[in-house]
Amino acid sequence: MSALQSTAHGPQPSPALFFDTVQSYQRAFILKAGVDLDLFSGIGKGNHTVQEIAKSCHAPERGIRVLCDCLTVLGFLSKSGNRYTLTPDSAAFLDSRSPSYLGRALDFMLDQRQIGSIQNLSEIVRNGKPPENTFTVTPEDPMWVNFARGMAPLMYPAAQTIAQLLRPALSGKKEPVKVLDIAAGHGTFGITLAEQFHNAQVYALDWPNVLQVAQENAVAHSVQDRYHLLPGSAFDVEWGTGYDAVLLTNFLHHFDPAANVGLLKKAHAALKPKGQVVLLEFIPNEDRVSPPQPAMFSVVMFSTTPNGDAYTFSQLAKMCSEAGFGDPRLEQLNGAPQSLVVAQKAG
């Protein structure tokens, strides 16, 4: 009996998952084409037919028709008759006029070195680590500037949640409160705290070229007078002391547990008694295969860093405990693939 024939034991096997997986790269580059052509903004401005959209994108009609139909299949556009419209998600995140525009994130997420790492994953698995020229945590790499410029809109919900979690500790104090934002990047986390707590002094640590982006954003949000820059590596720069909160966002996954314990010990030393450290990470369940996005993030770290990983809560809690923090707790983010871990220094 053929393996493709139905049996009494279950339904006929299907190659659908195979083809869906092998062809999934097409989705990313179909979306990128729409972003590169600013197609979503063109539709948002009132161009709805192929002829109108093609004129807006300065492209021939045949290619625009194919692209719009594919974007409709993928769920980024809606089509009625010969007219295309933006979905609510596309209007929020793909129209370049939107404050939540995510198009710039593609420069980071579809960087050729990241794609190349996945293309060569079998070789990386054989060798146990990526090649030395792979995109990784280095100060001269311009991709971290692309990260800072492109990823900020994705971080707004997490920044708001962090502010809510820290509100009992930071609000209502007459004296200034100090916040340290490690690997600040775009600065969204510290800037959000400065906006919500008017007595907060925020210290942002990152490489000098990346901090230029954070400073621009601090100026745009009118908190530059309370936003202080600490340029350099988090492993080398003196962090200072007396902080009410230390933020380590999207950072620990680049390193092995021993390096992370060292960073957390620096956070512990920098905090006041009862100060809190806040981690933002892709945190898979203990089975390491769910939920899908946090679980799959491990391959990103494996293919682009020497020792990085997606750590479970038990692993992160152990690191916090080894660094001197008590009772780490997990905080879920609604609708986001990442989670927060919050731990406190003893009083």
Protein backbone atom coordinates (compact mmCIF):
# COMPACT_ATOMS: atom_id res chain seq x y z
CA MET A 1 0.00 0.00 0.00
CA SER A 2 1.29 3.49 -0.88
CA ALA A 3 2.27 5.77 1.99
CA LEU A 4 -0.10 8.36 0.50
CA GLN A 5 -3.14 6.10 0.64
CA SER A 6 -5.67 6.45 3.43
CA THR A 7 -5.55 3.75 6.03
CA ALA A 8 -7.73 2.67 8.88
CA HIS A 9 -5.27 4.28 11.26
CA GLY A 10 -5.81 7.86 10.16
CA PRO A 11 -6.12 10.41 7.35
CA GLN A 12 -3.97 10.43 4.25
CA PRO A 13 -0.58 12.11 4.79
CA SER A 14 -0.29 15.53 3.17
CA PRO A 15 2.73 17.39 1.74
CA ALA A 16 1.04 20.73 2.53
CA LEU A 17 3.27 21.51 5.53
CA PHE A 18 6.37 20.70 3.49
CA PHE A 19 5.45 23.08 0.67
CA ASP A 20 4.17 25.76 3.06
CA THR A 21 7.46 25.70 4.96
CA VAL A 22 9.76 25.57 1.94
CA GLN A 23 7.95 28.47 0.26
CA SER A 24 7.55 30.58 3.40
CA TYR A 25 10.52 32.79 2.46
CA GLN A 26 8.36 34.17 -0.37
CA ARG A 27 6.01 35.79 2.15
CA ALA A 28 8.77 37.86 3.71
CA PHE A 29 9.97 39.21 0.39
CA ILE A 30 6.47 39.84 -0.95
CA LEU A 31 5.90 42.00 2.13
CA LYS A 32 9.30 43.66 1.69
CA ALA A 33 8.44 44.53 -1.92
CA GLY A 34 5.25 46.23 -0.75
CA VAL A 35 7.21 48.19 1.84
CA ASP A 36 10.02 49.09 -0.57
CA LEU A 37 7.50 50.44 -3.09
CA ASP A 38 5.60 52.27 -0.30
CA LEU A 39 2.52 50.52 -1.67
CA PHE A 40 0.67 50.55 1.65
CA SER A 41 1.04 54.31 2.00
CA GLY A 42 -0.18 54.77 -1.53
CA ILE A 43 -3.34 52.81 -0.80
CA GLY A 44 -3.73 54.66 2.49
CA LYS A 45 -3.70 57.95 0.57
CA GLY A 46 -6.71 56.86 -1.47
CA ASN A 47 -5.28 54.90 -4.40
CA HIS A 48 -7.31 51.70 -4.64
CA THR A 49 -7.27 50.33 -8.21
CA VAL A 50 -4.26 48.71 -9.88
CA GLN A 51 -3.94 51.74 -12.14
CA GLU A 52 -3.98 54.18 -9.23
CA ILE A 53 -1.61 52.13 -7.09
CA ALA A 54 0.81 51.60 -9.98
CA LYS A 55 0.95 55.35 -10.61
CA SER A 56 1.53 55.99 -6.91
CA CYS A 57 4.35 53.41 -6.79
CA HIS A 58 5.88 54.46 -10.14
CA ALA A 59 5.72 50.84 -11.33
CA PRO A 60 4.06 48.95 -14.21
CA GLU A 61 0.51 47.73 -13.62
CA ARG A 62 1.16 44.00 -14.16
CA GLY A 63 3.64 43.73 -11.30
CA ILE A 64 1.42 45.81 -9.00
CA ARG A 65 -1.57 43.60 -9.74
CA VAL A 66 0.43 40.46 -8.92
CA LEU A 67 1.87 42.02 -5.77
CA CYS A 68 -1.49 43.32 -4.52
CA ASP A 69 -3.16 39.96 -5.07
CA CYS A 70 -0.39 38.16 -3.18
CA LEU A 71 -0.57 40.67 -0.33
CA THR A 72 -4.32 40.04 -0.23
CA VAL A 73 -3.76 36.27 -0.02
CA LEU A 74 -1.34 36.87 2.87
CA GLY A 75 -3.87 39.04 4.71
CA PHE A 76 -2.15 42.42 4.39
CA LEU A 77 -4.76 43.84 1.97
CA SER A 78 -8.48 43.39 1.41
CA LYS A 79 -9.92 43.18 -2.12
CA SER A 80 -13.43 43.89 -3.34
CA GLY A 81 -13.97 43.80 -7.09
CA ASN A 82 -11.00 45.65 -8.54
CA ARG A 83 -10.31 47.74 -5.44
CA TYR A 84 -7.74 47.11 -2.72
CA THR A 85 -7.87 48.54 0.80
CA LEU A 86 -5.63 48.32 3.86
CA THR A 87 -6.52 46.02 6.71
CA PRO A 88 -6.54 47.67 10.17
CA ASP A 89 -3.17 46.06 10.95
CA SER A 90 -1.62 47.26 7.70
CA ALA A 91 -2.95 50.77 8.25
CA ALA A 92 -1.36 50.83 11.72
CA PHE A 93 1.99 49.21 10.93
CA LEU A 94 2.72 49.47 7.18
CA ASP A 95 1.52 52.93 6.14
CA SER A 96 4.72 54.99 6.45
CA ARG A 97 2.72 57.96 7.78
CA SER A 98 1.66 55.98 10.87
CA PRO A 99 3.51 56.56 14.17
CA SER A 100 3.52 52.75 14.58
CA TYR A 101 5.16 52.14 11.19
CA LEU A 102 7.24 48.95 11.17
CA GLY A 103 8.64 49.06 7.64
CA ARG A 104 12.08 50.17 8.83
CA ALA A 105 12.33 47.02 10.93
CA LEU A 106 12.83 44.99 7.75
CA ASP A 107 16.32 46.46 7.35
CA PHE A 108 17.22 44.64 10.54
CA MET A 109 14.99 41.57 10.38
CA LEU A 110 15.85 40.74 6.75
CA ASP A 111 19.52 41.68 6.92
CA GLN A 112 21.44 39.51 4.46
CA ARG A 113 23.71 38.11 7.15
CA GLN A 114 20.78 36.91 9.22
CA ILE A 115 19.26 35.32 6.15
CA GLY A 116 22.62 33.81 5.25
CA SER A 117 22.90 32.28 8.70
CA ILE A 118 19.63 30.44 8.29
CA GLN A 119 20.59 29.37 4.78
CA ASN A 120 23.75 27.81 6.20
CA LEU A 121 22.12 26.36 9.31
CA SER A 122 23.17 22.78 8.56
CA GLU A 123 26.82 23.85 8.50
CA ILE A 124 26.40 25.88 11.70
CA VAL A 125 24.85 22.85 13.41
CA ARG A 126 27.80 20.71 12.28
CA ASN A 127 30.33 23.25 13.55
CA GLY A 128 28.44 24.09 16.72
CA LYS A 129 28.63 27.86 16.16
CA PRO A 130 28.22 30.46 13.41
CA PRO A 131 31.22 31.73 11.40
CA GLU A 132 33.12 34.68 12.84
CA ASN A 133 31.83 37.13 10.23
CA THR A 134 28.20 36.46 11.18
CA PHE A 135 26.12 39.41 12.38
CA THR A 136 26.54 39.50 16.13
CA VAL A 137 27.04 41.81 19.10
CA THR A 138 29.83 44.13 17.93
CA PRO A 139 29.95 47.93 18.36
CA GLU A 140 30.93 48.75 14.79
CA ASP A 141 28.06 46.81 13.22
CA PRO A 142 25.64 49.31 11.60
CA MET A 143 22.79 46.83 11.98
CA TRP A 144 22.34 47.92 15.61
CA VAL A 145 21.55 51.41 14.37
CA ASN A 146 19.01 49.82 11.99
CA PHE A 147 17.61 47.93 14.97
CA ALA A 148 17.28 51.15 16.96
CA ARG A 149 15.60 53.02 14.10
CA GLY A 150 13.29 50.22 13.04
CA MET A 151 12.18 48.25 16.08
CA ALA A 152 10.92 50.98 18.43
CA PRO A 153 7.20 50.69 17.47
CA LEU A 154 7.26 47.00 18.38
CA MET A 155 8.44 47.88 21.88
CA TYR A 156 5.80 50.45 22.89
CA PRO A 157 3.42 47.91 24.51
CA ALA A 158 6.22 46.32 26.52
CA ALA A 159 7.46 49.77 27.60
CA GLN A 160 3.99 50.68 28.84
CA THR A 161 3.74 47.42 30.79
CA ILE A 162 7.15 48.01 32.38
CA ALA A 163 5.98 51.47 33.46
CA GLN A 164 2.88 49.93 35.06
CA LEU A 165 4.93 47.31 36.90
CA LEU A 166 7.35 49.92 38.25
CA ARG A 167 4.68 52.49 39.15
CA PRO A 168 4.38 51.44 42.83
CA ALA A 169 8.15 51.81 43.26
CA LEU A 170 8.70 54.99 41.23
CA SER A 171 5.60 57.12 41.75
CA GLY A 172 4.84 59.42 44.65
CA LYS A 173 8.46 60.11 45.58
CA LYS A 174 9.57 63.69 46.15
CA GLU A 175 13.21 62.93 45.48
CA PRO A 176 14.41 62.04 41.96
CA VAL A 177 14.34 58.36 40.96
CA LYS A 178 17.11 56.83 38.85
CA VAL A 179 16.60 54.33 36.05
CA LEU A 180 19.38 52.55 34.15
CA ASP A 181 18.52 51.31 30.65
CA ILE A 182 21.13 48.77 29.50
CA ALA A 183 21.47 48.24 25.72
CA ALA A 184 19.03 51.10 25.38
CA GLY A 185 18.89 50.98 21.57
CA HIS A 186 16.02 53.20 20.45
CA GLY A 187 15.54 54.34 24.06
CA THR A 188 11.83 53.55 24.13
CA PHE A 189 11.86 51.88 27.56
CA GLY A 190 13.70 54.62 29.42
CA ILE A 191 11.96 57.42 27.53
CA THR A 192 8.54 55.96 28.42
CA LEU A 193 9.51 55.94 32.10
CA ALA A 194 10.77 59.53 31.86
CA GLU A 195 7.44 60.57 30.31
CA GLN A 196 5.34 58.86 32.96
CA PHE A 197 7.48 59.72 36.00
CA HIS A 198 8.48 63.37 35.85
CA ASN A 199 11.05 62.99 38.63
CA ALA A 200 12.85 60.15 36.81
CA GLN A 201 16.44 60.57 35.70
CA VAL A 202 17.20 58.00 32.99
CA TYR A 203 20.70 56.74 32.18
CA ALA A 204 20.99 55.00 28.79
CA LEU A 205 23.92 52.68 28.09
CA ASP A 206 24.78 51.53 24.59
CA TRP A 207 27.37 52.03 21.87
CA PRO A 208 27.86 55.68 20.83
CA ASN A 209 26.35 55.33 17.33
CA VAL A 210 23.24 53.67 18.74
CA LEU A 211 22.85 56.25 21.52
CA GLN A 212 22.56 58.94 18.85
CA VAL A 213 19.22 57.37 17.90
CA ALA A 214 18.11 57.18 21.54
CA GLN A 215 19.05 60.83 22.06
CA GLU A 216 17.07 61.87 18.98
CA ASN A 217 14.04 60.06 20.39
CA ALA A 218 14.52 61.64 23.82
CA VAL A 219 14.51 65.07 22.17
CA ALA A 220 11.40 64.17 20.16
CA HIS A 221 9.63 63.25 23.42
CA SER A 222 10.94 66.33 25.27
CA VAL A 223 12.74 64.40 28.00
CA GLN A 224 16.32 65.16 26.91
CA ASP A 225 17.06 67.17 30.07
CA ARG A 226 16.52 64.02 32.16
CA TYR A 227 18.13 61.61 29.68
CA HIS A 228 21.81 60.86 30.22
CA LEU A 229 24.11 58.87 27.93
CA LEU A 230 26.61 56.20 29.01
CA PRO A 231 28.43 55.23 25.79
CA GLY A 232 30.25 51.91 25.55
CA SER A 233 29.90 48.20 26.26
CA ALA A 234 27.71 47.02 29.13
CA PHE A 235 30.55 44.70 30.12
CA ASP A 236 33.12 47.50 30.36
CA VAL A 237 31.39 50.77 31.26
CA GLU A 238 30.96 51.73 34.92
CA TRP A 239 27.20 51.62 35.57
CA GLY A 240 27.12 53.75 38.70
CA THR A 241 24.96 53.14 41.78
CA GLY A 242 21.79 54.27 43.50
CA TYR A 243 19.31 53.15 40.83
CA ASP A 244 15.68 52.39 41.60
CA ALA A 245 15.38 50.19 38.50
CA VAL A 246 17.70 48.56 35.98
CA LEU A 247 16.28 47.51 32.60
CA LEU A 248 17.90 44.66 30.65
CA THR A 249 15.72 44.42 27.55
CA ASN A 250 16.38 42.15 24.55
CA PHE A 251 19.92 41.61 25.77
CA LEU A 252 20.56 38.49 27.83
CA HIS A 253 19.63 36.15 24.97
CA HIS A 254 22.89 37.09 23.22
CA PHE A 255 25.08 35.51 25.90
CA ASP A 256 25.63 32.32 27.87
CA PRO A 257 24.35 31.90 31.46
CA ALA A 258 27.70 32.72 33.07
CA ALA A 259 27.95 36.04 31.22
CA ASN A 260 24.35 36.82 32.12
CA VAL A 261 24.95 36.15 35.81
CA GLY A 262 27.85 38.59 35.60
CA LEU A 263 25.60 41.25 34.07
CA LEU A 264 22.91 40.62 36.68
CA LYS A 265 25.49 40.95 39.47
CA LYS A 266 26.41 44.36 38.03
CA ALA A 267 22.70 45.25 38.07
CA HIS A 268 22.41 44.08 41.68
CA ALA A 269 25.38 46.23 42.72
CA ALA A 270 23.98 49.26 40.87
CA LEU A 271 20.56 49.11 42.54
CA LYS A 272 19.37 50.66 45.79
CA PRO A 273 17.97 48.29 48.42
CA LYS A 274 14.54 47.13 47.19
CA GLY A 275 15.48 48.25 43.66
CA GLN A 276 14.21 46.10 40.79
CA VAL A 277 15.74 44.57 37.69
CA VAL A 278 13.43 44.09 34.69
CA LEU A 279 14.25 41.62 31.91
CA LEU A 280 12.46 41.50 28.55
CA GLU A 281 13.07 38.24 26.71
CA PHE A 282 11.64 35.61 24.36
CA ILE A 283 10.81 33.01 27.01
CA PRO A 284 9.69 29.55 25.84
CA ASN A 285 7.82 27.20 28.11
CA GLU A 286 9.80 24.54 29.94
CA ASP A 287 9.10 22.09 27.09
CA ARG A 288 11.07 24.51 24.81
CA VAL A 289 8.64 23.93 21.89
CA SER A 290 5.86 26.33 22.91
CA PRO A 291 4.69 29.00 22.35
CA PRO A 292 5.95 28.94 18.75
CA GLN A 293 7.65 32.36 18.47
CA PRO A 294 9.66 32.26 21.70
CA ALA A 295 10.58 28.62 21.05
CA MET A 296 11.76 29.35 17.49
CA PHE A 297 13.82 32.31 18.68
CA SER A 298 16.47 29.88 19.90
CA VAL A 299 17.54 29.17 16.32
CA VAL A 300 18.05 32.90 15.69
CA MET A 301 20.46 33.10 18.60
CA PHE A 302 22.15 29.81 17.72
CA SER A 303 22.80 30.91 14.14
CA THR A 304 23.95 34.48 14.87
CA THR A 305 25.77 34.41 18.22
CA PRO A 306 28.52 32.21 19.70
CA ASN A 307 26.61 31.30 22.90
CA GLY A 308 23.17 32.93 22.87
CA ASP A 309 19.85 31.19 23.46
CA ALA A 310 16.16 31.63 24.26
CA TYR A 311 16.02 30.94 27.99
CA THR A 312 13.11 29.47 29.91
CA PHE A 313 11.79 31.20 33.02
CA SER A 314 13.44 28.63 35.29
CA GLN A 315 16.80 29.35 33.65
CA LEU A 316 16.38 33.12 33.97
CA ALA A 317 15.16 32.78 37.56
CA LYS A 318 18.27 30.73 38.39
CA MET A 319 20.51 33.43 36.89
CA CYS A 320 18.73 36.10 38.93
CA SER A 321 19.05 34.06 42.12
CA GLU A 322 22.76 33.45 41.52
CA ALA A 323 23.21 37.20 41.13
CA GLY A 324 21.59 37.86 44.53
CA PHE A 325 18.00 38.69 43.58
CA GLY A 326 15.07 37.17 45.44
CA ASP A 327 11.77 35.75 44.15
CA PRO A 328 11.94 36.48 40.40
CA ARG A 329 8.47 36.54 38.84
CA LEU A 330 7.23 36.10 35.28
CA GLU A 331 4.93 38.73 33.74
CA GLN A 332 3.21 37.93 30.45
CA LEU A 333 2.66 40.57 27.77
CA ASN A 334 -0.73 40.54 26.08
CA GLY A 335 -0.48 39.80 22.37
CA ALA A 336 3.33 39.86 22.31
CA PRO A 337 5.84 37.03 21.82
CA GLN A 338 8.05 38.31 24.65
CA SER A 339 7.65 38.21 28.43
CA LEU A 340 9.05 40.09 31.40
CA VAL A 341 10.96 38.81 34.40
CA VAL A 342 11.06 41.12 37.44
CA ALA A 343 13.30 40.56 40.46
CA GLN A 344 14.07 42.68 43.51
CA LYS A 345 17.17 43.41 45.52
CA ALA A 346 16.72 42.78 49.24
CA GLY A 347 15.95 45.78 51.44
